[in-house]
Amino acid sequence: MSTILSSINFLDNNPLDIVERVAGAADIPFERFNEEELLAAQYTGPWCAYEMWFAYSSDVDALEFRCGYDMKVPDDRLVDIHCLLALINENMWLGHFDLRQDEKRPTWRHTFIFRGAPHPKEAQIEDMLGIALQECNRFYPAFQHVIWAGKSPREALDAALFETAGEA
């Protein structure tokens, strides 16, 4: 019995093994670039394709997750997008959006820090994926309103957060 438990613990020693199982069960195409550090996946949502990256650092025992839009922010819209990011992040409970300067692509991020705690269960990875995709879907229109419609960050956020009541 201890041999079986040891092999199970070894398999889950790297959280990317858990991510791999979750992505496979959800039919999300992924590629593991190396055993220890990086896994990339793609998901097609209602608005666009999302690129997802999972990076594990054994040095700090942390798993970083990024879910990026398939869009690039033009230079003349960067200031407004940074303002929009600040407004959006005020509405976030888990994770946050940022904009990598090298890619100029809005990305949702969250990092699990384990530091001796158990690594996540499959349900926790599923929850994180679900939250990331929900938030990316929720705020996609705001990014589009700023980038392509020239709306102010506040107008774009208000439009994205507008909830309808009743039925038409």
C-alpha atoms as a PDB file:
ATOM      1  CA  MET A   1       0.000   0.000   0.000  1.00  0.00           C
ATOM      2  CA  SER A   2       2.764   2.493   0.795  1.00  0.00           C
ATOM      3  CA  THR A   3       4.235   1.949  -2.694  1.00  0.00           C
ATOM      4  CA  ILE A   4       0.963   3.022  -4.335  1.00  0.00           C
ATOM      5  CA  LEU A   5       0.645   6.094  -2.107  1.00  0.00           C
ATOM      6  CA  SER A   6       4.258   7.073  -2.756  1.00  0.00           C
ATOM      7  CA  SER A   7       3.735   6.923  -6.512  1.00  0.00           C
ATOM      8  CA  ILE A   8       0.528   8.987  -6.258  1.00  0.00           C
ATOM      9  CA  ASN A   9       2.295  11.635  -4.187  1.00  0.00           C
ATOM     10  CA  PHE A  10       5.150  11.652  -6.692  1.00  0.00           C
ATOM     11  CA  LEU A  11       2.748  12.161  -9.593  1.00  0.00           C
ATOM     12  CA  ASP A  12       1.127  15.137  -7.874  1.00  0.00           C
ATOM     13  CA  ASN A  13       4.425  16.597  -6.681  1.00  0.00           C
ATOM     14  CA  ASN A  14       4.263  19.009  -9.600  1.00  0.00           C
ATOM     15  CA  PRO A  15       0.966  20.919  -9.931  1.00  0.00           C
ATOM     16  CA  LEU A  16       1.363  20.837 -13.719  1.00  0.00           C
ATOM     17  CA  ASP A  17       0.492  17.133 -13.557  1.00  0.00           C
ATOM     18  CA  ILE A  18      -2.856  18.115 -12.041  1.00  0.00           C
ATOM     19  CA  VAL A  19      -3.384  20.866 -14.643  1.00  0.00           C
ATOM     20  CA  GLU A  20      -2.630  18.334 -17.367  1.00  0.00           C
ATOM     21  CA  ARG A  21      -5.305  15.941 -16.077  1.00  0.00           C
ATOM     22  CA  VAL A  22      -7.899  18.737 -15.804  1.00  0.00           C
ATOM     23  CA  ALA A  23      -7.147  20.089 -19.292  1.00  0.00           C
ATOM     24  CA  GLY A  24      -7.287  16.587 -20.756  1.00  0.00           C
ATOM     25  CA  ALA A  25     -10.621  15.819 -19.073  1.00  0.00           C
ATOM     26  CA  ALA A  26     -12.057  19.127 -20.371  1.00  0.00           C
ATOM     27  CA  ASP A  27     -10.764  18.493 -23.918  1.00  0.00           C
ATOM     28  CA  ILE A  28      -8.669  21.650 -23.778  1.00  0.00           C
ATOM     29  CA  PRO A  29      -5.686  21.262 -26.133  1.00  0.00           C
ATOM     30  CA  PHE A  30      -2.401  21.757 -24.306  1.00  0.00           C
ATOM     31  CA  GLU A  31       1.315  21.320 -24.718  1.00  0.00           C
ATOM     32  CA  ARG A  32       3.758  20.659 -21.935  1.00  0.00           C
ATOM     33  CA  PHE A  33       7.045  22.314 -22.803  1.00  0.00           C
ATOM     34  CA  ASN A  34       9.027  20.613 -20.084  1.00  0.00           C
ATOM     35  CA  GLU A  35       8.312  18.345 -17.163  1.00  0.00           C
ATOM     36  CA  GLU A  36       8.982  20.869 -14.430  1.00  0.00           C
ATOM     37  CA  GLU A  37       7.981  24.362 -15.442  1.00  0.00           C
ATOM     38  CA  LEU A  38       5.596  25.218 -18.280  1.00  0.00           C
ATOM     39  CA  LEU A  39       2.321  24.104 -19.836  1.00  0.00           C
ATOM     40  CA  ALA A  40       0.387  26.061 -22.493  1.00  0.00           C
ATOM     41  CA  ALA A  41      -3.244  25.551 -23.499  1.00  0.00           C
ATOM     42  CA  GLN A  42      -5.788  27.106 -25.832  1.00  0.00           C
ATOM     43  CA  TYR A  43      -9.497  27.631 -25.401  1.00  0.00           C
ATOM     44  CA  THR A  44     -11.996  29.141 -27.810  1.00  0.00           C
ATOM     45  CA  GLY A  45     -14.521  31.257 -25.956  1.00  0.00           C
ATOM     46  CA  PRO A  46     -17.610  33.105 -27.160  1.00  0.00           C
ATOM     47  CA  TRP A  47     -15.627  36.291 -27.923  1.00  0.00           C
ATOM     48  CA  CYS A  48     -12.183  35.090 -28.975  1.00  0.00           C
ATOM     49  CA  ALA A  49      -9.494  32.466 -28.516  1.00  0.00           C
ATOM     50  CA  TYR A  50      -7.713  32.456 -25.164  1.00  0.00           C
ATOM     51  CA  GLU A  51      -4.132  31.402 -24.658  1.00  0.00           C
ATOM     52  CA  MET A  52      -3.420  29.981 -21.220  1.00  0.00           C
ATOM     53  CA  TRP A  53      -0.068  29.424 -19.572  1.00  0.00           C
ATOM     54  CA  PHE A  54       0.695  27.562 -16.389  1.00  0.00           C
ATOM     55  CA  ALA A  55       4.159  27.999 -14.921  1.00  0.00           C
ATOM     56  CA  TYR A  56       5.396  26.163 -11.856  1.00  0.00           C
ATOM     57  CA  SER A  57       8.399  27.304  -9.833  1.00  0.00           C
ATOM     58  CA  SER A  58       9.737  24.724  -7.419  1.00  0.00           C
ATOM     59  CA  ASP A  59      12.062  27.404  -5.976  1.00  0.00           C
ATOM     60  CA  VAL A  60       9.118  29.316  -4.494  1.00  0.00           C
ATOM     61  CA  ASP A  61       6.656  26.405  -4.710  1.00  0.00           C
ATOM     62  CA  ALA A  62       4.102  28.432  -6.673  1.00  0.00           C
ATOM     63  CA  LEU A  63       1.895  27.903  -9.714  1.00  0.00           C
ATOM     64  CA  GLU A  64       1.202  30.937 -11.888  1.00  0.00           C
ATOM     65  CA  PHE A  65      -1.741  30.912 -14.295  1.00  0.00           C
ATOM     66  CA  ARG A  66      -2.276  33.399 -17.124  1.00  0.00           C
ATOM     67  CA  CYS A  67      -5.217  33.602 -19.503  1.00  0.00           C
ATOM     68  CA  GLY A  68      -4.625  36.055 -22.341  1.00  0.00           C
ATOM     69  CA  TYR A  69      -6.863  37.503 -25.004  1.00  0.00           C
ATOM     70  CA  ASP A  70      -6.085  37.090 -28.663  1.00  0.00           C
ATOM     71  CA  MET A  71      -5.813  40.874 -29.083  1.00  0.00           C
ATOM     72  CA  LYS A  72      -3.074  43.472 -29.114  1.00  0.00           C
ATOM     73  CA  VAL A  73      -3.444  46.972 -27.708  1.00  0.00           C
ATOM     74  CA  PRO A  74      -2.368  49.685 -30.155  1.00  0.00           C
ATOM     75  CA  ASP A  75       0.164  52.170 -28.778  1.00  0.00           C
ATOM     76  CA  ASP A  76      -2.291  55.063 -28.954  1.00  0.00           C
ATOM     77  CA  ARG A  77      -4.732  53.215 -26.633  1.00  0.00           C
ATOM     78  CA  LEU A  78      -2.213  52.097 -23.962  1.00  0.00           C
ATOM     79  CA  VAL A  79      -2.934  54.903 -21.478  1.00  0.00           C
ATOM     80  CA  ASP A  80      -6.688  54.257 -21.606  1.00  0.00           C
ATOM     81  CA  ILE A  81      -6.179  50.499 -21.312  1.00  0.00           C
ATOM     82  CA  HIS A  82      -4.021  50.995 -18.212  1.00  0.00           C
ATOM     83  CA  CYS A  83      -6.815  53.105 -16.709  1.00  0.00           C
ATOM     84  CA  LEU A  84      -9.328  50.405 -17.633  1.00  0.00           C
ATOM     85  CA  LEU A  85      -7.141  47.742 -15.993  1.00  0.00           C
ATOM     86  CA  ALA A  86      -7.161  49.700 -12.737  1.00  0.00           C
ATOM     87  CA  LEU A  87     -10.966  50.042 -12.859  1.00  0.00           C
ATOM     88  CA  ILE A  88     -11.456  46.360 -13.698  1.00  0.00           C
ATOM     89  CA  ASN A  89      -9.115  45.186 -10.943  1.00  0.00           C
ATOM     90  CA  GLU A  90     -11.168  47.086  -8.379  1.00  0.00           C
ATOM     91  CA  ASN A  91     -14.016  44.722  -9.302  1.00  0.00           C
ATOM     92  CA  MET A  92     -11.985  41.509  -9.032  1.00  0.00           C
ATOM     93  CA  TRP A  93     -12.228  39.124  -6.115  1.00  0.00           C
ATOM     94  CA  LEU A  94      -9.660  36.623  -7.373  1.00  0.00           C
ATOM     95  CA  GLY A  95      -6.814  37.267  -9.775  1.00  0.00           C
ATOM     96  CA  HIS A  96      -6.191  40.459 -11.670  1.00  0.00           C
ATOM     97  CA  PHE A  97      -5.686  41.756 -15.189  1.00  0.00           C
ATOM     98  CA  ASP A  98      -2.401  43.167 -16.397  1.00  0.00           C
ATOM     99  CA  LEU A  99      -0.756  44.154 -19.642  1.00  0.00           C
ATOM    100  CA  ARG A 100       2.640  42.769 -20.489  1.00  0.00           C
ATOM    101  CA  GLN A 101       4.684  45.478 -22.158  1.00  0.00           C
ATOM    102  CA  ASP A 102       6.363  43.040 -24.550  1.00  0.00           C
ATOM    103  CA  GLU A 103       3.091  41.564 -25.875  1.00  0.00           C
ATOM    104  CA  LYS A 104       0.648  44.447 -25.268  1.00  0.00           C
ATOM    105  CA  ARG A 105      -2.061  41.899 -24.591  1.00  0.00           C
ATOM    106  CA  PRO A 106      -4.507  42.058 -21.665  1.00  0.00           C
ATOM    107  CA  THR A 107      -4.073  38.981 -19.488  1.00  0.00           C
ATOM    108  CA  TRP A 108      -5.848  37.633 -16.400  1.00  0.00           C
ATOM    109  CA  ARG A 109      -3.376  36.311 -13.789  1.00  0.00           C
ATOM    110  CA  HIS A 110      -3.465  34.412 -10.560  1.00  0.00           C
ATOM    111  CA  THR A 111      -0.746  32.659  -8.577  1.00  0.00           C
ATOM    112  CA  PHE A 112      -1.114  29.850  -6.050  1.00  0.00           C
ATOM    113  CA  ILE A 113       1.631  29.900  -3.423  1.00  0.00           C
ATOM    114  CA  PHE A 114       1.944  26.566  -1.640  1.00  0.00           C
ATOM    115  CA  ARG A 115       4.969  26.904   0.703  1.00  0.00           C
ATOM    116  CA  GLY A 116       4.604  23.524   2.296  1.00  0.00           C
ATOM    117  CA  ALA A 117       0.807  23.345   1.881  1.00  0.00           C
ATOM    118  CA  PRO A 118      -0.731  20.630  -0.252  1.00  0.00           C
ATOM    119  CA  HIS A 119      -0.805  21.284  -3.973  1.00  0.00           C
ATOM    120  CA  PRO A 120      -4.214  22.034  -5.473  1.00  0.00           C
ATOM    121  CA  LYS A 121      -6.810  19.394  -6.113  1.00  0.00           C
ATOM    122  CA  GLU A 122      -8.329  18.968  -9.560  1.00  0.00           C
ATOM    123  CA  ALA A 123     -11.476  20.800  -8.429  1.00  0.00           C
ATOM    124  CA  GLN A 124      -9.399  23.848  -7.467  1.00  0.00           C
ATOM    125  CA  ILE A 125      -7.740  23.939 -10.904  1.00  0.00           C
ATOM    126  CA  GLU A 126     -11.184  23.562 -12.519  1.00  0.00           C
ATOM    127  CA  ASP A 127     -12.458  26.466 -10.398  1.00  0.00           C
ATOM    128  CA  MET A 128      -9.491  28.638 -11.343  1.00  0.00           C
ATOM    129  CA  LEU A 129     -10.013  27.909 -15.042  1.00  0.00           C
ATOM    130  CA  GLY A 130     -13.708  28.658 -14.721  1.00  0.00           C
ATOM    131  CA  ILE A 131     -13.115  31.935 -12.902  1.00  0.00           C
ATOM    132  CA  ALA A 132     -10.470  33.039 -15.403  1.00  0.00           C
ATOM    133  CA  LEU A 133     -12.697  32.322 -18.394  1.00  0.00           C
ATOM    134  CA  GLN A 134     -15.712  33.934 -16.712  1.00  0.00           C
ATOM    135  CA  GLU A 135     -13.761  37.116 -15.966  1.00  0.00           C
ATOM    136  CA  CYS A 136     -12.170  37.190 -19.412  1.00  0.00           C
ATOM    137  CA  ASN A 137     -15.598  36.819 -21.021  1.00  0.00           C
ATOM    138  CA  ARG A 138     -17.106  39.433 -18.713  1.00  0.00           C
ATOM    139  CA  PHE A 139     -14.498  42.116 -19.472  1.00  0.00           C
ATOM    140  CA  TYR A 140     -13.738  41.380 -23.142  1.00  0.00           C
ATOM    141  CA  PRO A 141     -16.328  43.932 -24.322  1.00  0.00           C
ATOM    142  CA  ALA A 142     -14.735  46.627 -22.135  1.00  0.00           C
ATOM    143  CA  PHE A 143     -11.347  46.107 -23.789  1.00  0.00           C
ATOM    144  CA  GLN A 144     -12.988  46.185 -27.227  1.00  0.00           C
ATOM    145  CA  HIS A 145     -14.895  49.366 -26.384  1.00  0.00           C
ATOM    146  CA  VAL A 146     -11.671  51.147 -25.455  1.00  0.00           C
ATOM    147  CA  ILE A 147      -9.461  49.740 -28.227  1.00  0.00           C
ATOM    148  CA  TRP A 148     -11.808  49.820 -31.204  1.00  0.00           C
ATOM    149  CA  ALA A 149     -14.714  52.099 -30.266  1.00  0.00           C
ATOM    150  CA  GLY A 150     -12.609  54.804 -28.624  1.00  0.00           C
ATOM    151  CA  LYS A 151     -14.733  54.835 -25.456  1.00  0.00           C
ATOM    152  CA  SER A 152     -13.364  56.104 -22.174  1.00  0.00           C
ATOM    153  CA  PRO A 153     -12.306  53.461 -19.629  1.00  0.00           C
ATOM    154  CA  ARG A 154     -15.277  54.346 -17.363  1.00  0.00           C
ATOM    155  CA  GLU A 155     -17.802  54.116 -20.244  1.00  0.00           C
ATOM    156  CA  ALA A 156     -16.330  50.779 -21.319  1.00  0.00           C
ATOM    157  CA  LEU A 157     -16.423  49.332 -17.806  1.00  0.00           C
ATOM    158  CA  ASP A 158     -19.973  50.549 -17.189  1.00  0.00           C
ATOM    159  CA  ALA A 159     -21.113  48.922 -20.430  1.00  0.00           C
ATOM    160  CA  ALA A 160     -19.400  45.637 -19.521  1.00  0.00           C
ATOM    161  CA  LEU A 161     -20.889  45.578 -16.027  1.00  0.00           C
ATOM    162  CA  PHE A 162     -24.376  46.635 -17.119  1.00  0.00           C
ATOM    163  CA  GLU A 163     -26.853  43.933 -16.121  1.00  0.00           C
ATOM    164  CA  THR A 164     -30.218  43.670 -17.766  1.00  0.00           C
ATOM    165  CA  ALA A 165     -33.325  42.919 -15.766  1.00  0.00           C
ATOM    166  CA  GLY A 166     -36.388  41.037 -16.957  1.00  0.00           C
ATOM    167  CA  GLU A 167     -37.002  39.521 -20.351  1.00  0.00           C
ATOM    168  CA  ALA A 168     -37.681  41.035 -23.732  1.00  0.00           C
END
